[in-house]
Amino acid sequence: MHQNAPVRRRAETLDYIQSMLGQLRQMAEVERCHMLAYLIEMAYIEAGDILRGERPSVVRRDERNPSA
């Protein structure tokens, strides 16, 4: 297997996830589920940030929830 295959597969998976999130966001907006549309939009943006390498794909538990 080619060395870049896992990286390419990961990028393709994230691209697919982002595409599905975009469609879900549109559906939520049509149904006037504004908070749901907003939360899906945040996930859509996060997926894009990960794809561009601007955000890590893994966040340690203590970084996610400092009170835990």
PDB file of N, CA and C in Angstrom:
ATOM      1  N   MET A   1       0.851  -1.185   0.000  1.00  0.00           N
ATOM      2  CA  MET A   1       0.000   0.000   0.000  1.00  0.00           C
ATOM      3  C   MET A   1       0.889   1.238   0.000  1.00  0.00           C
ATOM      4  N   HIS A   2       0.476   2.230  -0.733  1.00  0.00           N
ATOM      5  CA  HIS A   2       1.250   3.455  -0.854  1.00  0.00           C
ATOM      6  C   HIS A   2       1.271   4.203   0.470  1.00  0.00           C
ATOM      7  N   GLN A   3       2.377   4.842   0.762  1.00  0.00           N
ATOM      8  CA  GLN A   3       2.584   5.511   2.049  1.00  0.00           C
ATOM      9  C   GLN A   3       1.560   6.619   2.305  1.00  0.00           C
ATOM     10  N   ASN A   4       1.107   7.321   1.284  1.00  0.00           N
ATOM     11  CA  ASN A   4       0.164   8.423   1.471  1.00  0.00           C
ATOM     12  C   ASN A   4      -1.290   7.968   1.471  1.00  0.00           C
ATOM     13  N   ALA A   5      -1.542   6.680   1.259  1.00  0.00           N
ATOM     14  CA  ALA A   5      -2.916   6.175   1.185  1.00  0.00           C
ATOM     15  C   ALA A   5      -3.719   6.455   2.456  1.00  0.00           C
ATOM     16  N   PRO A   6      -3.180   6.209   3.663  1.00  0.00           N
ATOM     17  CA  PRO A   6      -3.969   6.515   4.867  1.00  0.00           C
ATOM     18  C   PRO A   6      -4.303   8.002   4.984  1.00  0.00           C
ATOM     19  N   VAL A   7      -3.370   8.861   4.609  1.00  0.00           N
ATOM     20  CA  VAL A   7      -3.608  10.307   4.669  1.00  0.00           C
ATOM     21  C   VAL A   7      -4.687  10.702   3.666  1.00  0.00           C
ATOM     22  N   ARG A   8      -4.604  10.149   2.461  1.00  0.00           N
ATOM     23  CA  ARG A   8      -5.588  10.445   1.429  1.00  0.00           C
ATOM     24  C   ARG A   8      -6.959   9.918   1.836  1.00  0.00           C
ATOM     25  N   ARG A   9      -7.006   8.701   2.392  1.00  0.00           N
ATOM     26  CA  ARG A   9      -8.276   8.118   2.839  1.00  0.00           C
ATOM     27  C   ARG A   9      -8.899   8.965   3.938  1.00  0.00           C
ATOM     28  N   ARG A  10      -8.067   9.441   4.858  1.00  0.00           N
ATOM     29  CA  ARG A  10      -8.561  10.290   5.951  1.00  0.00           C
ATOM     30  C   ARG A  10      -9.140  11.582   5.394  1.00  0.00           C
ATOM     31  N   ALA A  11      -8.434  12.194   4.450  1.00  0.00           N
ATOM     32  CA  ALA A  11      -8.913  13.436   3.843  1.00  0.00           C
ATOM     33  C   ALA A  11     -10.228  13.198   3.100  1.00  0.00           C
ATOM     34  N   GLU A  12     -10.324  12.077   2.392  1.00  0.00           N
ATOM     35  CA  GLU A  12     -11.559  11.754   1.680  1.00  0.00           C
ATOM     36  C   GLU A  12     -12.713  11.546   2.664  1.00  0.00           C
ATOM     37  N   THR A  13     -12.432  10.894   3.779  1.00  0.00           N
ATOM     38  CA  THR A  13     -13.457  10.668   4.798  1.00  0.00           C
ATOM     39  C   THR A  13     -13.924  11.992   5.392  1.00  0.00           C
ATOM     40  N   LEU A  14     -12.978  12.860   5.743  1.00  0.00           N
ATOM     41  CA  LEU A  14     -13.341  14.165   6.303  1.00  0.00           C
ATOM     42  C   LEU A  14     -14.100  15.007   5.291  1.00  0.00           C
ATOM     43  N   ASP A  15     -13.721  14.929   4.027  1.00  0.00           N
ATOM     44  CA  ASP A  15     -14.425  15.657   2.979  1.00  0.00           C
ATOM     45  C   ASP A  15     -15.866  15.166   2.872  1.00  0.00           C
ATOM     46  N   TYR A  16     -16.056  13.850   2.948  1.00  0.00           N
ATOM     47  CA  TYR A  16     -17.396  13.263   2.906  1.00  0.00           C
ATOM     48  C   TYR A  16     -18.217  13.713   4.117  1.00  0.00           C
ATOM     49  N   ILE A  17     -17.613  13.669   5.282  1.00  0.00           N
ATOM     50  CA  ILE A  17     -18.303  14.108   6.504  1.00  0.00           C
ATOM     51  C   ILE A  17     -18.742  15.558   6.362  1.00  0.00           C
ATOM     52  N   GLN A  18     -17.849  16.403   5.868  1.00  0.00           N
ATOM     53  CA  GLN A  18     -18.177  17.816   5.715  1.00  0.00           C
ATOM     54  C   GLN A  18     -19.324  17.999   4.712  1.00  0.00           C
ATOM     55  N   SER A  19     -19.305  17.234   3.653  1.00  0.00           N
ATOM     56  CA  SER A  19     -20.377  17.305   2.663  1.00  0.00           C
ATOM     57  C   SER A  19     -21.720  16.912   3.278  1.00  0.00           C
ATOM     58  N   MET A  20     -21.728  15.837   4.040  1.00  0.00           N
ATOM     59  CA  MET A  20     -22.964  15.383   4.682  1.00  0.00           C
ATOM     60  C   MET A  20     -23.453  16.427   5.703  1.00  0.00           C
ATOM     61  N   LEU A  21     -22.517  17.018   6.439  1.00  0.00           N
ATOM     62  CA  LEU A  21     -22.893  18.050   7.407  1.00  0.00           C
ATOM     63  C   LEU A  21     -23.524  19.251   6.700  1.00  0.00           C
ATOM     64  N   GLY A  22     -22.988  19.604   5.536  1.00  0.00           N
ATOM     65  CA  GLY A  22     -23.575  20.706   4.771  1.00  0.00           C
ATOM     66  C   GLY A  22     -25.015  20.403   4.385  1.00  0.00           C
ATOM     67  N   GLN A  23     -25.272  19.176   3.971  1.00  0.00           N
ATOM     68  CA  GLN A  23     -26.630  18.787   3.604  1.00  0.00           C
ATOM     69  C   GLN A  23     -27.554  18.761   4.823  1.00  0.00           C
ATOM     70  N   LEU A  24     -27.045  18.253   5.936  1.00  0.00           N
ATOM     71  CA  LEU A  24     -27.841  18.231   7.167  1.00  0.00           C
ATOM     72  C   LEU A  24     -28.151  19.644   7.645  1.00  0.00           C
ATOM     73  N   ARG A  25     -27.181  20.539   7.523  1.00  0.00           N
ATOM     74  CA  ARG A  25     -27.400  21.939   7.918  1.00  0.00           C
ATOM     75  C   ARG A  25     -28.536  22.539   7.098  1.00  0.00           C
ATOM     76  N   GLN A  26     -28.522  22.307   5.790  1.00  0.00           N
ATOM     77  CA  GLN A  26     -29.583  22.830   4.922  1.00  0.00           C
ATOM     78  C   GLN A  26     -30.942  22.276   5.325  1.00  0.00           C
ATOM     79  N   MET A  27     -30.990  20.991   5.632  1.00  0.00           N
ATOM     80  CA  MET A  27     -32.247  20.376   6.051  1.00  0.00           C
ATOM     81  C   MET A  27     -32.748  20.996   7.350  1.00  0.00           C
ATOM     82  N   ALA A  28     -31.848  21.205   8.299  1.00  0.00           N
ATOM     83  CA  ALA A  28     -32.225  21.812   9.578  1.00  0.00           C
ATOM     84  C   ALA A  28     -32.725  23.239   9.375  1.00  0.00           C
ATOM     85  N   GLU A  29     -32.084  23.980   8.478  1.00  0.00           N
ATOM     86  CA  GLU A  29     -32.527  25.346   8.202  1.00  0.00           C
ATOM     87  C   GLU A  29     -33.917  25.369   7.584  1.00  0.00           C
ATOM     88  N   VAL A  30     -34.178  24.462   6.638  1.00  0.00           N
ATOM     89  CA  VAL A  30     -35.497  24.382   5.999  1.00  0.00           C
ATOM     90  C   VAL A  30     -36.574  24.099   7.042  1.00  0.00           C
ATOM     91  N   GLU A  31     -36.245  23.272   8.015  1.00  0.00           N
ATOM     92  CA  GLU A  31     -37.202  22.925   9.068  1.00  0.00           C
ATOM     93  C   GLU A  31     -37.224  23.951  10.204  1.00  0.00           C
ATOM     94  N   ARG A  32     -36.470  25.021  10.043  1.00  0.00           N
ATOM     95  CA  ARG A  32     -36.383  26.108  11.035  1.00  0.00           C
ATOM     96  C   ARG A  32     -35.902  25.620  12.398  1.00  0.00           C
ATOM     97  N   CYS A  33     -34.982  24.681  12.368  1.00  0.00           N
ATOM     98  CA  CYS A  33     -34.341  24.190  13.592  1.00  0.00           C
ATOM     99  C   CYS A  33     -33.025  24.954  13.727  1.00  0.00           C
ATOM    100  N   HIS A  34     -33.136  26.190  14.170  1.00  0.00           N
ATOM    101  CA  HIS A  34     -32.004  27.116  14.130  1.00  0.00           C
ATOM    102  C   HIS A  34     -30.829  26.680  14.999  1.00  0.00           C
ATOM    103  N   MET A  35     -31.098  26.202  16.195  1.00  0.00           N
ATOM    104  CA  MET A  35     -29.997  25.771  17.058  1.00  0.00           C
ATOM    105  C   MET A  35     -29.321  24.541  16.467  1.00  0.00           C
ATOM    106  N   LEU A  36     -30.095  23.613  15.974  1.00  0.00           N
ATOM    107  CA  LEU A  36     -29.532  22.423  15.349  1.00  0.00           C
ATOM    108  C   LEU A  36     -28.698  22.809  14.124  1.00  0.00           C
ATOM    109  N   ALA A  37     -29.210  23.722  13.308  1.00  0.00           N
ATOM    110  CA  ALA A  37     -28.464  24.185  12.132  1.00  0.00           C
ATOM    111  C   ALA A  37     -27.150  24.832  12.556  1.00  0.00           C
ATOM    112  N   TYR A  38     -27.187  25.605  13.630  1.00  0.00           N
ATOM    113  CA  TYR A  38     -25.978  26.254  14.143  1.00  0.00           C
ATOM    114  C   TYR A  38     -24.946  25.215  14.597  1.00  0.00           C
ATOM    115  N   LEU A  39     -25.389  24.228  15.355  1.00  0.00           N
ATOM    116  CA  LEU A  39     -24.462  23.203  15.852  1.00  0.00           C
ATOM    117  C   LEU A  39     -23.867  22.399  14.700  1.00  0.00           C
ATOM    118  N   ILE A  40     -24.681  22.084  13.716  1.00  0.00           N
ATOM    119  CA  ILE A  40     -24.173  21.370  12.543  1.00  0.00           C
ATOM    120  C   ILE A  40     -23.175  22.243  11.796  1.00  0.00           C
ATOM    121  N   GLU A  41     -23.451  23.540  11.711  1.00  0.00           N
ATOM    122  CA  GLU A  41     -22.518  24.472  11.063  1.00  0.00           C
ATOM    123  C   GLU A  41     -21.166  24.473  11.784  1.00  0.00           C
ATOM    124  N   MET A  42     -21.184  24.427  13.103  1.00  0.00           N
ATOM    125  CA  MET A  42     -19.925  24.394  13.859  1.00  0.00           C
ATOM    126  C   MET A  42     -19.141  23.119  13.531  1.00  0.00           C
ATOM    127  N   ALA A  43     -19.835  21.995  13.424  1.00  0.00           N
ATOM    128  CA  ALA A  43     -19.169  20.745  13.045  1.00  0.00           C
ATOM    129  C   ALA A  43     -18.635  20.832  11.612  1.00  0.00           C
ATOM    130  N   TYR A  44     -19.386  21.461  10.719  1.00  0.00           N
ATOM    131  CA  TYR A  44     -18.961  21.655   9.328  1.00  0.00           C
ATOM    132  C   TYR A  44     -17.670  22.473   9.279  1.00  0.00           C
ATOM    133  N   ILE A  45     -17.636  23.545  10.036  1.00  0.00           N
ATOM    134  CA  ILE A  45     -16.444  24.406  10.097  1.00  0.00           C
ATOM    135  C   ILE A  45     -15.268  23.640  10.693  1.00  0.00           C
ATOM    136  N   GLU A  46     -15.515  22.888  11.744  1.00  0.00           N
ATOM    137  CA  GLU A  46     -14.463  22.087  12.387  1.00  0.00           C
ATOM    138  C   GLU A  46     -13.855  21.090  11.407  1.00  0.00           C
ATOM    139  N   ALA A  47     -14.713  20.410  10.643  1.00  0.00           N
ATOM    140  CA  ALA A  47     -14.216  19.450   9.654  1.00  0.00           C
ATOM    141  C   ALA A  47     -13.331  20.149   8.625  1.00  0.00           C
ATOM    142  N   GLY A  48     -13.738  21.334   8.193  1.00  0.00           N
ATOM    143  CA  GLY A  48     -12.924  22.101   7.242  1.00  0.00           C
ATOM    144  C   GLY A  48     -11.598  22.519   7.838  1.00  0.00           C
ATOM    145  N   ASP A  49     -11.625  22.941   9.090  1.00  0.00           N
ATOM    146  CA  ASP A  49     -10.385  23.334   9.764  1.00  0.00           C
ATOM    147  C   ASP A  49      -9.425  22.154   9.872  1.00  0.00           C
ATOM    148  N   ILE A  50      -9.942  20.988  10.202  1.00  0.00           N
ATOM    149  CA  ILE A  50      -9.103  19.789  10.300  1.00  0.00           C
ATOM    150  C   ILE A  50      -8.513  19.460   8.936  1.00  0.00           C
ATOM    151  N   LEU A  51      -9.333  19.527   7.896  1.00  0.00           N
ATOM    152  CA  LEU A  51      -8.858  19.244   6.542  1.00  0.00           C
ATOM    153  C   LEU A  51      -7.713  20.176   6.135  1.00  0.00           C
ATOM    154  N   ARG A  52      -7.821  21.436   6.514  1.00  0.00           N
ATOM    155  CA  ARG A  52      -6.781  22.412   6.164  1.00  0.00           C
ATOM    156  C   ARG A  52      -5.589  22.362   7.111  1.00  0.00           C
ATOM    157  N   GLY A  53      -5.675  21.528   8.143  1.00  0.00           N
ATOM    158  CA  GLY A  53      -4.582  21.414   9.094  1.00  0.00           C
ATOM    159  C   GLY A  53      -4.540  22.546  10.108  1.00  0.00           C
ATOM    160  N   GLU A  54      -5.641  23.269  10.231  1.00  0.00           N
ATOM    161  CA  GLU A  54      -5.696  24.397  11.157  1.00  0.00           C
ATOM    162  C   GLU A  54      -6.104  23.993  12.567  1.00  0.00           C
ATOM    163  N   ARG A  55      -6.649  22.782  12.718  1.00  0.00           N
ATOM    164  CA  ARG A  55      -7.076  22.291  14.023  1.00  0.00           C
ATOM    165  C   ARG A  55      -6.659  20.840  14.146  1.00  0.00           C
ATOM    166  N   PRO A  56      -6.299  20.413  15.336  1.00  0.00           N
ATOM    167  CA  PRO A  56      -5.990  18.988  15.520  1.00  0.00           C
ATOM    168  C   PRO A  56      -7.273  18.170  15.441  1.00  0.00           C
ATOM    169  N   SER A  57      -7.158  16.937  15.002  1.00  0.00           N
ATOM    170  CA  SER A  57      -8.333  16.077  14.935  1.00  0.00           C
ATOM    171  C   SER A  57      -8.600  15.409  16.275  1.00  0.00           C
ATOM    172  N   VAL A  58      -7.641  15.466  17.187  1.00  0.00           N
ATOM    173  CA  VAL A  58      -7.783  14.848  18.503  1.00  0.00           C
ATOM    174  C   VAL A  58      -7.557  15.915  19.572  1.00  0.00           C
ATOM    175  N   VAL A  59      -8.468  15.969  20.518  1.00  0.00           N
ATOM    176  CA  VAL A  59      -8.336  16.875  21.651  1.00  0.00           C
ATOM    177  C   VAL A  59      -8.337  16.013  22.897  1.00  0.00           C
ATOM    178  N   ARG A  60      -7.296  16.186  23.716  1.00  0.00           N
ATOM    179  CA  ARG A  60      -7.237  15.409  24.952  1.00  0.00           C
ATOM    180  C   ARG A  60      -8.432  15.736  25.835  1.00  0.00           C
ATOM    181  N   ARG A  61      -8.855  14.777  26.626  1.00  0.00           N
ATOM    182  CA  ARG A  61     -10.030  14.952  27.470  1.00  0.00           C
ATOM    183  C   ARG A  61      -9.908  16.173  28.377  1.00  0.00           C
ATOM    184  N   ASP A  62      -8.750  16.407  28.970  1.00  0.00           N
ATOM    185  CA  ASP A  62      -8.587  17.539  29.881  1.00  0.00           C
ATOM    186  C   ASP A  62      -8.648  18.872  29.143  1.00  0.00           C
ATOM    187  N   GLU A  63      -8.392  18.886  27.830  1.00  0.00           N
ATOM    188  CA  GLU A  63      -8.520  20.120  27.058  1.00  0.00           C
ATOM    189  C   GLU A  63      -9.975  20.396  26.704  1.00  0.00           C
ATOM    190  N   ARG A  64     -10.757  19.330  26.526  1.00  0.00           N
ATOM    191  CA  ARG A  64     -12.171  19.459  26.179  1.00  0.00           C
ATOM    192  C   ARG A  64     -12.989  19.915  27.367  1.00  0.00           C
ATOM    193  N   ASN A  65     -12.684  19.361  28.524  1.00  0.00           N
ATOM    194  CA  ASN A  65     -13.495  19.617  29.711  1.00  0.00           C
ATOM    195  C   ASN A  65     -12.571  19.851  30.898  1.00  0.00           C
ATOM    196  N   PRO A  66     -12.134  21.096  31.072  1.00  0.00           N
ATOM    197  CA  PRO A  66     -11.160  21.374  32.137  1.00  0.00           C
ATOM    198  C   PRO A  66     -11.664  21.056  33.542  1.00  0.00           C
ATOM    199  N   SER A  67     -12.977  20.973  33.742  1.00  0.00           N
ATOM    200  CA  SER A  67     -13.490  20.698  35.087  1.00  0.00           C
ATOM    201  C   SER A  67     -13.516  19.219  35.422  1.00  0.00           C
ATOM    202  N   ALA A  68     -13.215  18.363  34.436  1.00  0.00           N
ATOM    203  CA  ALA A  68     -13.256  16.906  34.673  1.00  0.00           C
ATOM    204  C   ALA A  68     -12.025  16.425  35.393  1.00  0.00           C
TER     205      ALA A  68
END
